[in-house]
């Protein structure tokens, strides 16, 4: 497993982080999807029947954040 060293001048060892990144959905056929770090979000499959998908909250949060002053 790789570790991240953000400040090599003041940090002798890296640290291990986990992150979750998502952005607005971009259709796979959109020219923008060919840009680095663009394209459709990759949602995990539902682990078990009857469990909700992982996507609804971020899908709602993106447009809602545009309404903030």
PDB file of N, CA and C in Angstrom:
ATOM      1  N   UNK A   1       0.854  -1.166   0.000  1.00  0.00           N
ATOM      2  CA  UNK A   1       0.000   0.000   0.000  1.00  0.00           C
ATOM      3  C   UNK A   1       0.905   1.236   0.000  1.00  0.00           C
ATOM      4  N   UNK A   2       0.583   2.189  -0.825  1.00  0.00           N
ATOM      5  CA  UNK A   2       1.352   3.427  -0.894  1.00  0.00           C
ATOM      6  C   UNK A   2       0.858   4.413   0.156  1.00  0.00           C
ATOM      7  N   UNK A   3       1.769   5.238   0.613  1.00  0.00           N
ATOM      8  CA  UNK A   3       1.407   6.287   1.571  1.00  0.00           C
ATOM      9  C   UNK A   3       1.683   7.639   0.943  1.00  0.00           C
ATOM     10  N   UNK A   4       0.995   8.647   1.429  1.00  0.00           N
ATOM     11  CA  UNK A   4       1.086   9.985   0.855  1.00  0.00           C
ATOM     12  C   UNK A   4       1.911  10.886   1.764  1.00  0.00           C
ATOM     13  N   UNK A   5       2.893  11.557   1.162  1.00  0.00           N
ATOM     14  CA  UNK A   5       3.700  12.541   1.886  1.00  0.00           C
ATOM     15  C   UNK A   5       3.390  13.906   1.279  1.00  0.00           C
ATOM     16  N   UNK A   6       2.655  14.729   2.009  1.00  0.00           N
ATOM     17  CA  UNK A   6       2.228  16.026   1.484  1.00  0.00           C
ATOM     18  C   UNK A   6       3.275  17.114   1.659  1.00  0.00           C
ATOM     19  N   UNK A   7       4.084  17.010   2.703  1.00  0.00           N
ATOM     20  CA  UNK A   7       5.067  18.048   3.013  1.00  0.00           C
ATOM     21  C   UNK A   7       6.404  17.394   3.336  1.00  0.00           C
ATOM     22  N   UNK A   8       7.174  16.982   2.311  1.00  0.00           N
ATOM     23  CA  UNK A   8       8.416  16.259   2.554  1.00  0.00           C
ATOM     24  C   UNK A   8       9.423  17.028   3.414  1.00  0.00           C
ATOM     25  N   UNK A   9       9.371  18.362   3.404  1.00  0.00           N
ATOM     26  CA  UNK A   9      10.308  19.150   4.201  1.00  0.00           C
ATOM     27  C   UNK A   9      10.053  18.984   5.700  1.00  0.00           C
ATOM     28  N   UNK A  10       8.817  18.733   6.095  1.00  0.00           N
ATOM     29  CA  UNK A  10       8.462  18.628   7.508  1.00  0.00           C
ATOM     30  C   UNK A  10       7.889  17.273   7.897  1.00  0.00           C
ATOM     31  N   UNK A  11       7.879  16.336   6.987  1.00  0.00           N
ATOM     32  CA  UNK A  11       7.241  15.044   7.221  1.00  0.00           C
ATOM     33  C   UNK A  11       8.228  13.952   6.816  1.00  0.00           C
ATOM     34  N   UNK A  12       8.651  13.115   7.770  1.00  0.00           N
ATOM     35  CA  UNK A  12       9.619  12.071   7.451  1.00  0.00           C
ATOM     36  C   UNK A  12       8.949  10.790   6.967  1.00  0.00           C
ATOM     37  N   UNK A  13       7.693  10.592   7.319  1.00  0.00           N
ATOM     38  CA  UNK A  13       6.963   9.402   6.890  1.00  0.00           C
ATOM     39  C   UNK A  13       5.634   9.815   6.275  1.00  0.00           C
ATOM     40  N   UNK A  14       5.168   9.005   5.352  1.00  0.00           N
ATOM     41  CA  UNK A  14       3.870   9.263   4.754  1.00  0.00           C
ATOM     42  C   UNK A  14       2.755   8.808   5.682  1.00  0.00           C
ATOM     43  N   UNK A  15       1.538   9.120   5.314  1.00  0.00           N
ATOM     44  CA  UNK A  15       0.402   8.612   6.079  1.00  0.00           C
ATOM     45  C   UNK A  15      -0.627   8.037   5.113  1.00  0.00           C
ATOM     46  N   UNK A  16      -1.420   7.137   5.638  1.00  0.00           N
ATOM     47  CA  UNK A  16      -2.395   6.439   4.831  1.00  0.00           C
ATOM     48  C   UNK A  16      -3.745   7.119   4.995  1.00  0.00           C
ATOM     49  N   UNK A  17      -4.374   7.395   3.879  1.00  0.00           N
ATOM     50  CA  UNK A  17      -5.666   8.082   3.901  1.00  0.00           C
ATOM     51  C   UNK A  17      -6.667   7.314   3.049  1.00  0.00           C
ATOM     52  N   UNK A  18      -7.919   7.497   3.366  1.00  0.00           N
ATOM     53  CA  UNK A  18      -9.003   7.029   2.518  1.00  0.00           C
ATOM     54  C   UNK A  18      -9.785   8.249   2.087  1.00  0.00           C
ATOM     55  N   UNK A  19     -10.340   8.202   0.920  1.00  0.00           N
ATOM     56  CA  UNK A  19     -11.127   9.325   0.463  1.00  0.00           C
ATOM     57  C   UNK A  19     -12.274   8.875  -0.413  1.00  0.00           C
ATOM     58  N   UNK A  20     -13.228   9.737  -0.540  1.00  0.00           N
ATOM     59  CA  UNK A  20     -14.368   9.496  -1.411  1.00  0.00           C
ATOM     60  C   UNK A  20     -14.530  10.758  -2.242  1.00  0.00           C
ATOM     61  N   UNK A  21     -14.420  10.606  -3.528  1.00  0.00           N
ATOM     62  CA  UNK A  21     -14.534  11.744  -4.425  1.00  0.00           C
ATOM     63  C   UNK A  21     -15.658  11.477  -5.414  1.00  0.00           C
ATOM     64  N   UNK A  22     -16.484  12.457  -5.638  1.00  0.00           N
ATOM     65  CA  UNK A  22     -17.499  12.338  -6.675  1.00  0.00           C
ATOM     66  C   UNK A  22     -17.728  13.712  -7.256  1.00  0.00           C
ATOM     67  N   UNK A  23     -18.187  13.731  -8.474  1.00  0.00           N
ATOM     68  CA  UNK A  23     -18.478  14.984  -9.150  1.00  0.00           C
ATOM     69  C   UNK A  23     -19.799  14.853  -9.869  1.00  0.00           C
ATOM     70  N   UNK A  24     -20.138  15.873 -10.625  1.00  0.00           N
ATOM     71  CA  UNK A  24     -21.390  15.809 -11.361  1.00  0.00           C
ATOM     72  C   UNK A  24     -21.277  14.719 -12.416  1.00  0.00           C
ATOM     73  N   UNK A  25     -22.396  14.146 -12.756  1.00  0.00           N
ATOM     74  CA  UNK A  25     -22.408  13.078 -13.752  1.00  0.00           C
ATOM     75  C   UNK A  25     -22.115  13.650 -15.136  1.00  0.00           C
ATOM     76  N   UNK A  26     -21.258  12.973 -15.865  1.00  0.00           N
ATOM     77  CA  UNK A  26     -20.955  13.317 -17.247  1.00  0.00           C
ATOM     78  C   UNK A  26     -21.270  12.072 -18.076  1.00  0.00           C
ATOM     79  N   UNK A  27     -22.093  12.226 -19.094  1.00  0.00           N
ATOM     80  CA  UNK A  27     -22.470  11.108 -19.945  1.00  0.00           C
ATOM     81  C   UNK A  27     -21.220  10.532 -20.621  1.00  0.00           C
ATOM     82  N   UNK A  28     -21.096   9.202 -20.714  1.00  0.00           N
ATOM     83  CA  UNK A  28     -19.912   8.611 -21.343  1.00  0.00           C
ATOM     84  C   UNK A  28     -19.690   9.080 -22.781  1.00  0.00           C
ATOM     85  N   UNK A  29     -20.761   9.456 -23.504  1.00  0.00           N
ATOM     86  CA  UNK A  29     -20.619   9.919 -24.881  1.00  0.00           C
ATOM     87  C   UNK A  29     -20.251  11.386 -25.014  1.00  0.00           C
ATOM     88  N   UNK A  30     -20.254  12.123 -23.923  1.00  0.00           N
ATOM     89  CA  UNK A  30     -19.928  13.551 -23.939  1.00  0.00           C
ATOM     90  C   UNK A  30     -18.425  13.725 -24.180  1.00  0.00           C
ATOM     91  N   UNK A  31     -18.021  14.666 -25.050  1.00  0.00           N
ATOM     92  CA  UNK A  31     -16.585  14.904 -25.278  1.00  0.00           C
ATOM     93  C   UNK A  31     -15.823  15.205 -23.981  1.00  0.00           C
ATOM     94  N   UNK A  32     -16.504  15.811 -23.013  1.00  0.00           N
ATOM     95  CA  UNK A  32     -15.863  16.120 -21.738  1.00  0.00           C
ATOM     96  C   UNK A  32     -15.411  14.847 -21.012  1.00  0.00           C
ATOM     97  N   UNK A  33     -16.098  13.728 -21.279  1.00  0.00           N
ATOM     98  CA  UNK A  33     -15.772  12.460 -20.609  1.00  0.00           C
ATOM     99  C   UNK A  33     -14.388  11.952 -20.993  1.00  0.00           C
ATOM    100  N   UNK A  34     -13.831  12.466 -22.088  1.00  0.00           N
ATOM    101  CA  UNK A  34     -12.490  12.042 -22.512  1.00  0.00           C
ATOM    102  C   UNK A  34     -11.379  12.800 -21.787  1.00  0.00           C
ATOM    103  N   UNK A  35     -11.725  13.849 -21.056  1.00  0.00           N
ATOM    104  CA  UNK A  35     -10.729  14.609 -20.307  1.00  0.00           C
ATOM    105  C   UNK A  35     -10.288  13.827 -19.076  1.00  0.00           C
ATOM    106  N   UNK A  36      -9.040  14.032 -18.614  1.00  0.00           N
ATOM    107  CA  UNK A  36      -8.604  13.348 -17.400  1.00  0.00           C
ATOM    108  C   UNK A  36      -9.506  13.701 -16.212  1.00  0.00           C
ATOM    109  N   UNK A  37      -9.814  12.731 -15.390  1.00  0.00           N
ATOM    110  CA  UNK A  37     -10.614  12.881 -14.174  1.00  0.00           C
ATOM    111  C   UNK A  37     -12.036  13.359 -14.453  1.00  0.00           C
ATOM    112  N   UNK A  38     -12.552  13.075 -15.628  1.00  0.00           N
ATOM    113  CA  UNK A  38     -13.925  13.402 -15.985  1.00  0.00           C
ATOM    114  C   UNK A  38     -14.618  12.106 -16.399  1.00  0.00           C
ATOM    115  N   UNK A  39     -15.919  12.162 -16.540  1.00  0.00           N
ATOM    116  CA  UNK A  39     -16.666  10.992 -16.975  1.00  0.00           C
ATOM    117  C   UNK A  39     -17.676  10.584 -15.932  1.00  0.00           C
ATOM    118  N   UNK A  40     -18.346   9.478 -16.167  1.00  0.00           N
ATOM    119  CA  UNK A  40     -19.370   9.046 -15.232  1.00  0.00           C
ATOM    120  C   UNK A  40     -18.770   8.643 -13.892  1.00  0.00           C
ATOM    121  N   UNK A  41     -19.489   8.903 -12.822  1.00  0.00           N
ATOM    122  CA  UNK A  41     -19.063   8.412 -11.513  1.00  0.00           C
ATOM    123  C   UNK A  41     -19.149   6.893 -11.513  1.00  0.00           C
ATOM    124  N   UNK A  42     -18.284   6.248 -10.762  1.00  0.00           N
ATOM    125  CA  UNK A  42     -18.267   4.796 -10.677  1.00  0.00           C
ATOM    126  C   UNK A  42     -18.828   4.392  -9.325  1.00  0.00           C
ATOM    127  N   UNK A  43     -20.111   4.080  -9.305  1.00  0.00           N
ATOM    128  CA  UNK A  43     -20.788   3.722  -8.061  1.00  0.00           C
ATOM    129  C   UNK A  43     -20.621   2.237  -7.804  1.00  0.00           C
ATOM    130  N   UNK A  44     -20.449   1.864  -6.554  1.00  0.00           N
ATOM    131  CA  UNK A  44     -20.367   0.426  -6.262  1.00  0.00           C
ATOM    132  C   UNK A  44     -21.729  -0.229  -6.495  1.00  0.00           C
ATOM    133  N   UNK A  45     -21.695  -1.500  -6.861  1.00  0.00           N
ATOM    134  CA  UNK A  45     -22.979  -2.184  -7.027  1.00  0.00           C
ATOM    135  C   UNK A  45     -23.657  -2.359  -5.672  1.00  0.00           C
ATOM    136  N   UNK A  46     -24.949  -2.518  -5.691  1.00  0.00           N
ATOM    137  CA  UNK A  46     -25.668  -2.804  -4.450  1.00  0.00           C
ATOM    138  C   UNK A  46     -25.201  -4.164  -3.959  1.00  0.00           C
ATOM    139  N   UNK A  47     -24.790  -4.219  -2.715  1.00  0.00           N
ATOM    140  CA  UNK A  47     -24.218  -5.443  -2.169  1.00  0.00           C
ATOM    141  C   UNK A  47     -25.256  -6.553  -2.030  1.00  0.00           C
ATOM    142  N   UNK A  48     -26.449  -6.197  -1.610  1.00  0.00           N
ATOM    143  CA  UNK A  48     -27.483  -7.200  -1.385  1.00  0.00           C
ATOM    144  C   UNK A  48     -28.808  -6.682  -1.918  1.00  0.00           C
ATOM    145  N   UNK A  49     -29.626  -7.581  -2.396  1.00  0.00           N
ATOM    146  CA  UNK A  49     -30.963  -7.138  -2.846  1.00  0.00           C
ATOM    147  C   UNK A  49     -31.691  -6.427  -1.703  1.00  0.00           C
ATOM    148  N   UNK A  50     -32.364  -5.355  -2.040  1.00  0.00           N
ATOM    149  CA  UNK A  50     -33.128  -4.613  -1.047  1.00  0.00           C
ATOM    150  C   UNK A  50     -32.373  -3.454  -0.427  1.00  0.00           C
ATOM    151  N   UNK A  51     -31.051  -3.392  -0.600  1.00  0.00           N
ATOM    152  CA  UNK A  51     -30.288  -2.263  -0.074  1.00  0.00           C
ATOM    153  C   UNK A  51     -30.344  -1.113  -1.073  1.00  0.00           C
ATOM    154  N   UNK A  52     -30.321   0.128  -0.584  1.00  0.00           N
ATOM    155  CA  UNK A  52     -30.366   1.262  -1.518  1.00  0.00           C
ATOM    156  C   UNK A  52     -29.050   1.414  -2.274  1.00  0.00           C
ATOM    157  N   UNK A  53     -29.106   2.054  -3.429  1.00  0.00           N
ATOM    158  CA  UNK A  53     -27.896   2.383  -4.182  1.00  0.00           C
ATOM    159  C   UNK A  53     -27.097   3.425  -3.411  1.00  0.00           C
ATOM    160  N   UNK A  54     -25.826   3.538  -3.718  1.00  0.00           N
ATOM    161  CA  UNK A  54     -24.965   4.521  -3.059  1.00  0.00           C
ATOM    162  C   UNK A  54     -25.137   5.909  -3.655  1.00  0.00           C
ATOM    163  N   UNK A  55     -25.678   6.011  -4.849  1.00  0.00           N
ATOM    164  CA  UNK A  55     -25.669   7.269  -5.588  1.00  0.00           C
ATOM    165  C   UNK A  55     -26.691   8.337  -5.194  1.00  0.00           C
ATOM    166  N   UNK A  56     -27.878   8.050  -4.663  1.00  0.00           N
ATOM    167  CA  UNK A  56     -28.893   9.107  -4.548  1.00  0.00           C
ATOM    168  C   UNK A  56     -28.474  10.361  -3.797  1.00  0.00           C
ATOM    169  N   UNK A  57     -27.809  10.257  -2.674  1.00  0.00           N
ATOM    170  CA  UNK A  57     -27.463  11.457  -1.913  1.00  0.00           C
ATOM    171  C   UNK A  57     -26.545  12.390  -2.700  1.00  0.00           C
ATOM    172  N   UNK A  58     -25.417  11.908  -3.242  1.00  0.00           N
ATOM    173  CA  UNK A  58     -24.585  12.825  -4.039  1.00  0.00           C
ATOM    174  C   UNK A  58     -25.304  13.374  -5.263  1.00  0.00           C
ATOM    175  N   UNK A  59     -26.173  12.572  -5.874  1.00  0.00           N
ATOM    176  CA  UNK A  59     -26.908  13.067  -7.042  1.00  0.00           C
ATOM    177  C   UNK A  59     -27.830  14.217  -6.660  1.00  0.00           C
ATOM    178  N   UNK A  60     -28.358  14.191  -5.446  1.00  0.00           N
ATOM    179  CA  UNK A  60     -29.204  15.289  -4.981  1.00  0.00           C
ATOM    180  C   UNK A  60     -28.385  16.471  -4.464  1.00  0.00           C
ATOM    181  N   UNK A  61     -27.239  16.179  -3.845  1.00  0.00           N
ATOM    182  CA  UNK A  61     -26.425  17.231  -3.248  1.00  0.00           C
ATOM    183  C   UNK A  61     -25.826  18.175  -4.292  1.00  0.00           C
ATOM    184  N   UNK A  62     -25.419  17.653  -5.435  1.00  0.00           N
ATOM    185  CA  UNK A  62     -24.791  18.489  -6.453  1.00  0.00           C
ATOM    186  C   UNK A  62     -25.689  19.625  -6.903  1.00  0.00           C
ATOM    187  N   UNK A  63     -26.864  19.327  -7.440  1.00  0.00           N
ATOM    188  CA  UNK A  63     -27.763  20.410  -7.867  1.00  0.00           C
ATOM    189  C   UNK A  63     -28.204  21.293  -6.705  1.00  0.00           C
ATOM    190  N   UNK A  64     -28.410  20.712  -5.521  1.00  0.00           N
ATOM    191  CA  UNK A  64     -28.850  21.509  -4.373  1.00  0.00           C
ATOM    192  C   UNK A  64     -27.766  22.514  -3.971  1.00  0.00           C
ATOM    193  N   UNK A  65     -26.482  22.137  -4.121  1.00  0.00           N
ATOM    194  CA  UNK A  65     -25.406  23.055  -3.730  1.00  0.00           C
ATOM    195  C   UNK A  65     -25.355  24.287  -4.629  1.00  0.00           C
ATOM    196  N   UNK A  66     -25.854  24.171  -5.835  1.00  0.00           N
ATOM    197  CA  UNK A  66     -25.878  25.322  -6.758  1.00  0.00           C
ATOM    198  C   UNK A  66     -26.920  26.353  -6.319  1.00  0.00           C
ATOM    199  N   UNK A  67     -27.853  25.958  -5.462  1.00  0.00           N
ATOM    200  CA  UNK A  67     -28.890  26.865  -4.977  1.00  0.00           C
ATOM    201  C   UNK A  67     -28.418  27.713  -3.801  1.00  0.00           C
ATOM    202  N   UNK A  68     -27.258  27.382  -3.219  1.00  0.00           N
ATOM    203  CA  UNK A  68     -26.749  28.122  -2.063  1.00  0.00           C
ATOM    204  C   UNK A  68     -26.312  29.518  -2.479  1.00  0.00           C
ATOM    205  N   UNK A  69     -26.477  30.502  -1.576  1.00  0.00           N
ATOM    206  CA  UNK A  69     -26.076  31.875  -1.926  1.00  0.00           C
ATOM    207  C   UNK A  69     -24.571  32.026  -1.990  1.00  0.00           C
TER     208      UNK A  69
END
